[in-house]
Amino acid sequence: MNEQMLRGLLNVEAEQSISTVQIFDEIDSTNSESLRQIQSGATENRLVVASSQTAGRGRRGRQWISPKNAGMYFSLTRSFSLEASALQSLSLVTAISVVEALHELGAAKLTLKWPNDVLYEKRKLGGILLELQQKAATRFLVFGIGVNIDLPADSIASIDRPVVDLQSIVTELPAPEALLAALLNQLCRNLNDYERNGFSNFSRRWNELDCYRLSDIVIQNGESRIIGKSLGVGADGSLLLQTSSGTQSITSGEIFPSLHPLS
């Protein structure tokens, strides 16, 4: 990864949002490094990129398999003046940003799984982990993003769910700097929009990409299970679930397809 080449491809929103770029050949986790730097007193918005991760992390404590040069692994740290409750739907905004950027690079038929998985034919292409860190009076949000680019066969076999990589779905892989710049450009553009207008400009875009909208699903949240029909997301980014007892607003959990259609 060449920083000068990367910066030459950034749009105004991204260039103004990133003060420092740090590039690692190998690291435990770009998110973990970003959180450590916040705790050490770093206050500027920064980008941490790695060619490989030895302890990449996904949602719910899962490992993110990160072989060298097999994916794009990065974390963007950004400070916010918004209240913590107003930041919850940013995971959805980030997922939308990833899909829109990859569309520009020729990846078609991408969909989303609430709250932030990027899918191709219901196989996972990208994942997102957002982590909030309070330091003094400032709220920092770390946007961790991983996109599979060219996964080795043994890595695919070791992952406990269907996955896909970018090289399988585009005619020509972009250069790493072009891929990262496209992701950052769209993300920073959408974050600026979110800070001005909230989630209102994103709910329709999410629902158009939601692969489980109007499908019967199960929401698993710890030991709790709720069955219903997904109605997509509401104005605040929560998942609307039509159940036998009425429509419920779901703010956390994991989606699984229902094996039995609802009557």
C-alpha atoms as a PDB file:
ATOM      1  CA  MET A   1       0.000   0.000   0.000  1.00  0.00           C
ATOM      2  CA  ASN A   2       1.453   3.333  -1.113  1.00  0.00           C
ATOM      3  CA  GLU A   3       0.273   6.302   0.978  1.00  0.00           C
ATOM      4  CA  GLN A   4       1.097   8.937  -1.635  1.00  0.00           C
ATOM      5  CA  MET A   5      -0.825   7.034  -4.304  1.00  0.00           C
ATOM      6  CA  LEU A   6      -3.732   6.523  -1.912  1.00  0.00           C
ATOM      7  CA  ARG A   7      -3.936  10.200  -0.989  1.00  0.00           C
ATOM      8  CA  GLY A   8      -3.894  11.139  -4.658  1.00  0.00           C
ATOM      9  CA  LEU A   9      -7.117   9.150  -5.128  1.00  0.00           C
ATOM     10  CA  LEU A  10      -9.044  10.558  -2.155  1.00  0.00           C
ATOM     11  CA  ASN A  11     -11.904  12.985  -2.637  1.00  0.00           C
ATOM     12  CA  VAL A  12     -12.212  16.198  -0.629  1.00  0.00           C
ATOM     13  CA  GLU A  13     -14.380  14.623   2.095  1.00  0.00           C
ATOM     14  CA  ALA A  14     -11.940  11.779   2.699  1.00  0.00           C
ATOM     15  CA  GLU A  15      -8.811  13.942   2.495  1.00  0.00           C
ATOM     16  CA  GLN A  16     -10.230  16.339   5.081  1.00  0.00           C
ATOM     17  CA  SER A  17     -11.323  13.434   7.318  1.00  0.00           C
ATOM     18  CA  ILE A  18      -7.948  11.679   7.554  1.00  0.00           C
ATOM     19  CA  SER A  19      -5.042  13.440   9.231  1.00  0.00           C
ATOM     20  CA  THR A  20      -2.735  10.452   9.634  1.00  0.00           C
ATOM     21  CA  VAL A  21      -2.281   7.251   7.626  1.00  0.00           C
ATOM     22  CA  GLN A  22      -0.481   4.285   9.201  1.00  0.00           C
ATOM     23  CA  ILE A  23       0.348   1.239   7.089  1.00  0.00           C
ATOM     24  CA  PHE A  24       1.392  -2.066   8.670  1.00  0.00           C
ATOM     25  CA  ASP A  25       2.629  -5.214   6.999  1.00  0.00           C
ATOM     26  CA  GLU A  26       1.182  -7.262   9.869  1.00  0.00           C
ATOM     27  CA  ILE A  27      -0.706  -6.324  13.022  1.00  0.00           C
ATOM     28  CA  ASP A  28      -2.922  -8.048  15.554  1.00  0.00           C
ATOM     29  CA  SER A  29      -5.986  -5.995  14.617  1.00  0.00           C
ATOM     30  CA  THR A  30      -6.414  -2.596  13.002  1.00  0.00           C
ATOM     31  CA  ASN A  31      -9.309  -1.889  15.379  1.00  0.00           C
ATOM     32  CA  SER A  32      -7.259  -2.895  18.425  1.00  0.00           C
ATOM     33  CA  GLU A  33      -4.391  -0.652  17.316  1.00  0.00           C
ATOM     34  CA  SER A  34      -6.782   2.237  16.749  1.00  0.00           C
ATOM     35  CA  LEU A  35      -8.271   1.829  20.237  1.00  0.00           C
ATOM     36  CA  ARG A  36      -4.799   1.667  21.783  1.00  0.00           C
ATOM     37  CA  GLN A  37      -3.830   4.918  20.102  1.00  0.00           C
ATOM     38  CA  ILE A  38      -6.944   6.668  21.394  1.00  0.00           C
ATOM     39  CA  GLN A  39      -6.105   5.508  24.912  1.00  0.00           C
ATOM     40  CA  SER A  40      -2.536   6.767  24.428  1.00  0.00           C
ATOM     41  CA  GLY A  41      -3.851  10.257  23.702  1.00  0.00           C
ATOM     42  CA  ALA A  42      -4.128  10.388  19.903  1.00  0.00           C
ATOM     43  CA  THR A  43      -6.907  12.820  19.033  1.00  0.00           C
ATOM     44  CA  GLU A  44      -6.677  13.246  15.260  1.00  0.00           C
ATOM     45  CA  ASN A  45      -8.773  11.305  12.785  1.00  0.00           C
ATOM     46  CA  ARG A  46      -6.573   8.513  11.477  1.00  0.00           C
ATOM     47  CA  LEU A  47      -6.478   5.520   9.160  1.00  0.00           C
ATOM     48  CA  VAL A  48      -4.802   2.236  10.102  1.00  0.00           C
ATOM     49  CA  VAL A  49      -4.271  -0.274   7.274  1.00  0.00           C
ATOM     50  CA  ALA A  50      -2.671  -3.724   7.399  1.00  0.00           C
ATOM     51  CA  SER A  51      -1.703  -6.343   4.817  1.00  0.00           C
ATOM     52  CA  SER A  52      -2.553  -9.059   7.368  1.00  0.00           C
ATOM     53  CA  GLN A  53      -4.009  -9.412  10.848  1.00  0.00           C
ATOM     54  CA  THR A  54      -3.110 -12.077  13.379  1.00  0.00           C
ATOM     55  CA  ALA A  55      -6.146 -11.414  15.569  1.00  0.00           C
ATOM     56  CA  GLY A  56      -8.692  -9.743  13.324  1.00  0.00           C
ATOM     57  CA  ARG A  57     -12.048  -9.299  15.018  1.00  0.00           C
ATOM     58  CA  GLY A  58     -15.624  -9.371  13.793  1.00  0.00           C
ATOM     59  CA  ARG A  59     -18.974  -8.874  15.465  1.00  0.00           C
ATOM     60  CA  ARG A  60     -19.931 -10.917  18.524  1.00  0.00           C
ATOM     61  CA  GLY A  61     -16.344 -11.883  19.252  1.00  0.00           C
ATOM     62  CA  ARG A  62     -15.826 -13.785  16.008  1.00  0.00           C
ATOM     63  CA  GLN A  63     -12.412 -14.011  14.400  1.00  0.00           C
ATOM     64  CA  TRP A  64     -11.920 -12.272  11.048  1.00  0.00           C
ATOM     65  CA  ILE A  65      -9.600 -14.461   8.976  1.00  0.00           C
ATOM     66  CA  SER A  66      -6.986 -12.078   7.569  1.00  0.00           C
ATOM     67  CA  PRO A  67      -4.275 -13.783   5.457  1.00  0.00           C
ATOM     68  CA  LYS A  68      -1.599 -11.591   3.928  1.00  0.00           C
ATOM     69  CA  ASN A  69      -2.869  -9.617   0.913  1.00  0.00           C
ATOM     70  CA  ALA A  70      -6.049 -11.731   0.791  1.00  0.00           C
ATOM     71  CA  GLY A  71      -8.302  -8.907   1.871  1.00  0.00           C
ATOM     72  CA  MET A  72      -8.578  -5.215   2.616  1.00  0.00           C
ATOM     73  CA  TYR A  73      -8.246  -4.679   6.374  1.00  0.00           C
ATOM     74  CA  PHE A  74      -8.486  -1.159   7.768  1.00  0.00           C
ATOM     75  CA  SER A  75      -9.880   1.014  10.536  1.00  0.00           C
ATOM     76  CA  LEU A  76     -10.866   4.655  10.302  1.00  0.00           C
ATOM     77  CA  THR A  77     -10.990   6.596  13.583  1.00  0.00           C
ATOM     78  CA  ARG A  78     -13.211   9.647  13.625  1.00  0.00           C
ATOM     79  CA  SER A  79     -14.392  11.922  16.436  1.00  0.00           C
ATOM     80  CA  PHE A  80     -18.060  12.874  16.776  1.00  0.00           C
ATOM     81  CA  SER A  81     -19.939  15.523  18.695  1.00  0.00           C
ATOM     82  CA  LEU A  82     -23.170  13.529  18.377  1.00  0.00           C
ATOM     83  CA  GLU A  83     -24.574  11.707  21.398  1.00  0.00           C
ATOM     84  CA  ALA A  84     -23.727   8.007  21.619  1.00  0.00           C
ATOM     85  CA  SER A  85     -27.357   7.051  20.951  1.00  0.00           C
ATOM     86  CA  ALA A  86     -27.210   8.951  17.645  1.00  0.00           C
ATOM     87  CA  LEU A  87     -24.279   6.854  16.446  1.00  0.00           C
ATOM     88  CA  GLN A  88     -26.000   3.460  16.555  1.00  0.00           C
ATOM     89  CA  SER A  89     -27.186   3.405  12.953  1.00  0.00           C
ATOM     90  CA  LEU A  90     -23.721   4.245  11.614  1.00  0.00           C
ATOM     91  CA  SER A  91     -23.002   0.523  11.204  1.00  0.00           C
ATOM     92  CA  LEU A  92     -25.751   0.458   8.568  1.00  0.00           C
ATOM     93  CA  VAL A  93     -24.416   3.603   6.910  1.00  0.00           C
ATOM     94  CA  THR A  94     -20.977   1.988   6.760  1.00  0.00           C
ATOM     95  CA  ALA A  95     -22.366  -1.154   5.120  1.00  0.00           C
ATOM     96  CA  ILE A  96     -24.241   0.939   2.547  1.00  0.00           C
ATOM     97  CA  SER A  97     -21.000   2.816   1.845  1.00  0.00           C
ATOM     98  CA  VAL A  98     -19.083  -0.406   1.207  1.00  0.00           C
ATOM     99  CA  VAL A  99     -21.706  -1.657  -1.257  1.00  0.00           C
ATOM    100  CA  GLU A 100     -21.879   1.667  -3.095  1.00  0.00           C
ATOM    101  CA  ALA A 101     -18.094   1.825  -3.399  1.00  0.00           C
ATOM    102  CA  LEU A 102     -17.839  -1.743  -4.685  1.00  0.00           C
ATOM    103  CA  HIS A 103     -20.635  -1.075  -7.176  1.00  0.00           C
ATOM    104  CA  GLU A 104     -18.490   1.719  -8.616  1.00  0.00           C
ATOM    105  CA  LEU A 105     -15.670  -0.814  -9.037  1.00  0.00           C
ATOM    106  CA  GLY A 106     -17.841  -3.248 -10.989  1.00  0.00           C
ATOM    107  CA  ALA A 107     -19.176  -5.567  -8.279  1.00  0.00           C
ATOM    108  CA  ALA A 108     -22.848  -6.152  -9.093  1.00  0.00           C
ATOM    109  CA  LYS A 109     -25.658  -7.972  -7.246  1.00  0.00           C
ATOM    110  CA  LEU A 110     -24.380  -7.103  -3.778  1.00  0.00           C
ATOM    111  CA  THR A 111     -26.851  -7.133  -0.916  1.00  0.00           C
ATOM    112  CA  LEU A 112     -26.900  -6.380   2.802  1.00  0.00           C
ATOM    113  CA  LYS A 113     -27.781  -8.393   5.871  1.00  0.00           C
ATOM    114  CA  TRP A 114     -28.824  -6.384   8.915  1.00  0.00           C
ATOM    115  CA  PRO A 115     -27.061  -4.812  10.640  1.00  0.00           C
ATOM    116  CA  ASN A 116     -23.913  -4.628   8.501  1.00  0.00           C
ATOM    117  CA  ASP A 117     -22.874  -7.722   6.529  1.00  0.00           C
ATOM    118  CA  VAL A 118     -22.070  -7.264   2.836  1.00  0.00           C
ATOM    119  CA  LEU A 119     -23.177 -10.278   0.783  1.00  0.00           C
ATOM    120  CA  TYR A 120     -22.990 -11.661  -2.712  1.00  0.00           C
ATOM    121  CA  GLU A 121     -25.528 -14.425  -3.373  1.00  0.00           C
ATOM    122  CA  LYS A 122     -25.906 -14.671   0.434  1.00  0.00           C
ATOM    123  CA  ARG A 123     -22.182 -15.365   0.860  1.00  0.00           C
ATOM    124  CA  LYS A 124     -20.233 -12.947   2.995  1.00  0.00           C
ATOM    125  CA  LEU A 125     -17.943 -10.581   1.105  1.00  0.00           C
ATOM    126  CA  GLY A 126     -17.336  -7.963   3.758  1.00  0.00           C
ATOM    127  CA  GLY A 127     -17.823  -7.309   7.441  1.00  0.00           C
ATOM    128  CA  ILE A 128     -17.859  -4.278   9.690  1.00  0.00           C
ATOM    129  CA  LEU A 129     -17.046  -3.737  13.355  1.00  0.00           C
ATOM    130  CA  LEU A 130     -17.713  -0.339  14.896  1.00  0.00           C
ATOM    131  CA  GLU A 131     -16.314   0.386  18.350  1.00  0.00           C
ATOM    132  CA  LEU A 132     -17.033   3.478  20.441  1.00  0.00           C
ATOM    133  CA  GLN A 133     -14.314   4.904  22.684  1.00  0.00           C
ATOM    134  CA  GLN A 134     -14.809   7.833  25.042  1.00  0.00           C
ATOM    135  CA  LYS A 135     -11.676   9.846  25.904  1.00  0.00           C
ATOM    136  CA  ALA A 136     -12.200  12.843  28.179  1.00  0.00           C
ATOM    137  CA  ALA A 137     -15.100  14.751  26.611  1.00  0.00           C
ATOM    138  CA  THR A 138     -14.606  13.384  23.086  1.00  0.00           C
ATOM    139  CA  ARG A 139     -16.354  10.407  21.499  1.00  0.00           C
ATOM    140  CA  PHE A 140     -14.279   8.465  19.004  1.00  0.00           C
ATOM    141  CA  LEU A 141     -15.770   5.856  16.721  1.00  0.00           C
ATOM    142  CA  VAL A 142     -13.507   3.257  15.121  1.00  0.00           C
ATOM    143  CA  PHE A 143     -14.865   1.985  11.801  1.00  0.00           C
ATOM    144  CA  GLY A 144     -13.298  -1.430  11.212  1.00  0.00           C
ATOM    145  CA  ILE A 145     -13.875  -2.798   7.697  1.00  0.00           C
ATOM    146  CA  GLY A 146     -12.760  -6.036   6.101  1.00  0.00           C
ATOM    147  CA  VAL A 147     -13.383  -7.003   2.478  1.00  0.00           C
ATOM    148  CA  ASN A 148     -12.309 -10.366   1.073  1.00  0.00           C
ATOM    149  CA  ILE A 149     -10.201  -9.851  -2.051  1.00  0.00           C
ATOM    150  CA  ASP A 150      -8.565 -13.184  -2.925  1.00  0.00           C
ATOM    151  CA  LEU A 151      -8.981 -15.778  -0.194  1.00  0.00           C
ATOM    152  CA  PRO A 152      -6.821 -18.936  -0.251  1.00  0.00           C
ATOM    153  CA  ALA A 153      -8.733 -22.212  -0.387  1.00  0.00           C
ATOM    154  CA  ASP A 154      -7.607 -23.236   3.106  1.00  0.00           C
ATOM    155  CA  SER A 155      -8.941 -19.981   4.553  1.00  0.00           C
ATOM    156  CA  ILE A 156     -12.316 -20.492   2.882  1.00  0.00           C
ATOM    157  CA  ALA A 157     -12.463 -24.018   4.310  1.00  0.00           C
ATOM    158  CA  SER A 158     -11.708 -22.755   7.827  1.00  0.00           C
ATOM    159  CA  ILE A 159     -14.555 -20.219   7.903  1.00  0.00           C
ATOM    160  CA  ASP A 160     -17.793 -21.520   9.421  1.00  0.00           C
ATOM    161  CA  ARG A 161     -20.125 -19.790   6.962  1.00  0.00           C
ATOM    162  CA  PRO A 162     -20.366 -19.275   3.199  1.00  0.00           C
ATOM    163  CA  VAL A 163     -17.925 -16.606   2.005  1.00  0.00           C
ATOM    164  CA  VAL A 164     -16.874 -15.094  -1.298  1.00  0.00           C
ATOM    165  CA  ASP A 165     -14.069 -12.814  -2.427  1.00  0.00           C
ATOM    166  CA  LEU A 166     -13.922  -9.858  -4.788  1.00  0.00           C
ATOM    167  CA  GLN A 167     -11.814 -11.596  -7.425  1.00  0.00           C
ATOM    168  CA  SER A 168     -14.674 -14.081  -7.922  1.00  0.00           C
ATOM    169  CA  ILE A 169     -17.221 -11.417  -8.820  1.00  0.00           C
ATOM    170  CA  VAL A 170     -15.390  -8.696 -10.794  1.00  0.00           C
ATOM    171  CA  THR A 171     -13.707  -8.959 -14.167  1.00  0.00           C
ATOM    172  CA  GLU A 172     -10.593  -7.123 -12.984  1.00  0.00           C
ATOM    173  CA  LEU A 173      -9.380  -6.505  -9.442  1.00  0.00           C
ATOM    174  CA  PRO A 174      -8.615  -2.851  -8.677  1.00  0.00           C
ATOM    175  CA  ALA A 175      -5.226  -1.895  -7.268  1.00  0.00           C
ATOM    176  CA  PRO A 176      -5.236  -1.921  -3.445  1.00  0.00           C
ATOM    177  CA  GLU A 177      -4.954   1.884  -3.324  1.00  0.00           C
ATOM    178  CA  ALA A 178      -7.912   2.272  -5.713  1.00  0.00           C
ATOM    179  CA  LEU A 179     -10.031  -0.132  -3.682  1.00  0.00           C
ATOM    180  CA  LEU A 180      -9.232   1.547  -0.376  1.00  0.00           C
ATOM    181  CA  ALA A 181      -9.736   5.032  -1.802  1.00  0.00           C
ATOM    182  CA  ALA A 182     -13.147   4.076  -3.214  1.00  0.00           C
ATOM    183  CA  LEU A 183     -14.230   2.707   0.182  1.00  0.00           C
ATOM    184  CA  LEU A 184     -12.958   5.758   2.082  1.00  0.00           C
ATOM    185  CA  ASN A 185     -14.407   8.250  -0.403  1.00  0.00           C
ATOM    186  CA  GLN A 186     -17.895   6.793  -0.148  1.00  0.00           C
ATOM    187  CA  LEU A 187     -17.716   6.256   3.617  1.00  0.00           C
ATOM    188  CA  CYS A 188     -16.549   9.797   4.392  1.00  0.00           C
ATOM    189  CA  ARG A 189     -19.109  11.292   2.002  1.00  0.00           C
ATOM    190  CA  ASN A 190     -21.885   9.344   3.712  1.00  0.00           C
ATOM    191  CA  LEU A 191     -20.637  10.131   7.226  1.00  0.00           C
ATOM    192  CA  ASN A 192     -20.760  13.840   6.437  1.00  0.00           C
ATOM    193  CA  ASP A 193     -24.317  13.386   5.141  1.00  0.00           C
ATOM    194  CA  TYR A 194     -25.251  11.479   8.304  1.00  0.00           C
ATOM    195  CA  GLU A 195     -23.871  14.205  10.572  1.00  0.00           C
ATOM    196  CA  ARG A 196     -25.985  16.785   8.736  1.00  0.00           C
ATOM    197  CA  ASN A 197     -29.195  14.830   8.190  1.00  0.00           C
ATOM    198  CA  GLY A 198     -29.180  11.681  10.304  1.00  0.00           C
ATOM    199  CA  PHE A 199     -30.372   8.357   8.907  1.00  0.00           C
ATOM    200  CA  SER A 200     -33.198   9.841   6.832  1.00  0.00           C
ATOM    201  CA  ASN A 201     -31.226   9.674   3.561  1.00  0.00           C
ATOM    202  CA  PHE A 202     -30.183   6.068   4.127  1.00  0.00           C
ATOM    203  CA  SER A 203     -33.249   4.032   5.119  1.00  0.00           C
ATOM    204  CA  ARG A 204     -34.543   3.709   1.548  1.00  0.00           C
ATOM    205  CA  ARG A 205     -31.061   2.829   0.267  1.00  0.00           C
ATOM    206  CA  TRP A 206     -30.717   0.136   2.920  1.00  0.00           C
ATOM    207  CA  ASN A 207     -34.131  -1.383   2.193  1.00  0.00           C
ATOM    208  CA  GLU A 208     -33.380  -1.585  -1.525  1.00  0.00           C
ATOM    209  CA  LEU A 209     -30.258  -3.652  -0.715  1.00  0.00           C
ATOM    210  CA  ASP A 210     -31.646  -5.751   2.158  1.00  0.00           C
ATOM    211  CA  CYS A 211     -31.545  -9.409   1.072  1.00  0.00           C
ATOM    212  CA  TYR A 212     -33.970 -10.519   3.804  1.00  0.00           C
ATOM    213  CA  ARG A 213     -36.586  -7.784   3.494  1.00  0.00           C
ATOM    214  CA  LEU A 214     -40.094  -9.308   3.278  1.00  0.00           C
ATOM    215  CA  SER A 215     -38.640 -12.735   4.156  1.00  0.00           C
ATOM    216  CA  ASP A 216     -39.465 -14.893   7.172  1.00  0.00           C
ATOM    217  CA  ILE A 217     -36.537 -14.776   9.568  1.00  0.00           C
ATOM    218  CA  VAL A 218     -35.395 -15.657  13.061  1.00  0.00           C
ATOM    219  CA  ILE A 219     -33.659 -13.064  15.252  1.00  0.00           C
ATOM    220  CA  GLN A 220     -31.230 -14.653  17.698  1.00  0.00           C
ATOM    221  CA  ASN A 221     -30.098 -12.444  20.576  1.00  0.00           C
ATOM    222  CA  GLY A 222     -28.289 -14.483  23.223  1.00  0.00           C
ATOM    223  CA  GLU A 223     -30.757 -17.118  24.363  1.00  0.00           C
ATOM    224  CA  SER A 224     -33.710 -15.172  22.980  1.00  0.00           C
ATOM    225  CA  ARG A 225     -35.307 -16.015  19.612  1.00  0.00           C
ATOM    226  CA  ILE A 226     -37.962 -14.018  17.783  1.00  0.00           C
ATOM    227  CA  ILE A 227     -39.637 -15.232  14.599  1.00  0.00           C
ATOM    228  CA  GLY A 228     -41.294 -12.892  12.133  1.00  0.00           C
ATOM    229  CA  LYS A 229     -41.242 -11.274   8.717  1.00  0.00           C
ATOM    230  CA  SER A 230     -38.606  -8.642   8.081  1.00  0.00           C
ATOM    231  CA  LEU A 231     -40.072  -5.329   6.963  1.00  0.00           C
ATOM    232  CA  GLY A 232     -36.669  -3.712   6.485  1.00  0.00           C
ATOM    233  CA  VAL A 233     -35.343  -0.888   8.635  1.00  0.00           C
ATOM    234  CA  GLY A 234     -37.129   2.094  10.096  1.00  0.00           C
ATOM    235  CA  ALA A 235     -36.145   5.735  10.255  1.00  0.00           C
ATOM    236  CA  ASP A 236     -33.675   5.069  13.084  1.00  0.00           C
ATOM    237  CA  GLY A 237     -32.000   2.029  11.519  1.00  0.00           C
ATOM    238  CA  SER A 238     -33.699  -0.537  13.736  1.00  0.00           C
ATOM    239  CA  LEU A 239     -35.064  -3.675  12.070  1.00  0.00           C
ATOM    240  CA  LEU A 240     -38.858  -3.823  11.809  1.00  0.00           C
ATOM    241  CA  LEU A 241     -40.150  -7.335  12.413  1.00  0.00           C
ATOM    242  CA  GLN A 242     -43.770  -8.322  11.821  1.00  0.00           C
ATOM    243  CA  THR A 243     -44.668 -10.962  14.415  1.00  0.00           C
ATOM    244  CA  SER A 244     -47.831 -12.682  15.580  1.00  0.00           C
ATOM    245  CA  SER A 245     -48.108 -10.080  18.339  1.00  0.00           C
ATOM    246  CA  GLY A 246     -47.524  -7.055  16.110  1.00  0.00           C
ATOM    247  CA  THR A 247     -44.584  -5.174  14.642  1.00  0.00           C
ATOM    248  CA  GLN A 248     -41.478  -5.061  16.806  1.00  0.00           C
ATOM    249  CA  SER A 249     -38.447  -2.787  16.516  1.00  0.00           C
ATOM    250  CA  ILE A 250     -35.228  -4.806  16.845  1.00  0.00           C
ATOM    251  CA  THR A 251     -32.006  -3.035  17.822  1.00  0.00           C
ATOM    252  CA  SER A 252     -29.652  -6.002  18.307  1.00  0.00           C
ATOM    253  CA  GLY A 253     -29.331  -9.638  17.334  1.00  0.00           C
ATOM    254  CA  GLU A 254     -28.417 -11.812  14.398  1.00  0.00           C
ATOM    255  CA  ILE A 255     -30.609 -12.808  11.458  1.00  0.00           C
ATOM    256  CA  PHE A 256     -31.145 -16.394  10.349  1.00  0.00           C
ATOM    257  CA  PRO A 257     -33.549 -17.520   7.609  1.00  0.00           C
ATOM    258  CA  SER A 258     -36.663 -19.154   9.016  1.00  0.00           C
ATOM    259  CA  LEU A 259     -37.000 -22.810   8.043  1.00  0.00           C
ATOM    260  CA  HIS A 260     -40.773 -22.607   8.251  1.00  0.00           C
ATOM    261  CA  PRO A 261     -42.852 -19.972   6.437  1.00  0.00           C
ATOM    262  CA  LEU A 262     -45.157 -17.931   8.634  1.00  0.00           C
ATOM    263  CA  SER A 263     -48.847 -18.454   8.155  1.00  0.00           C
END
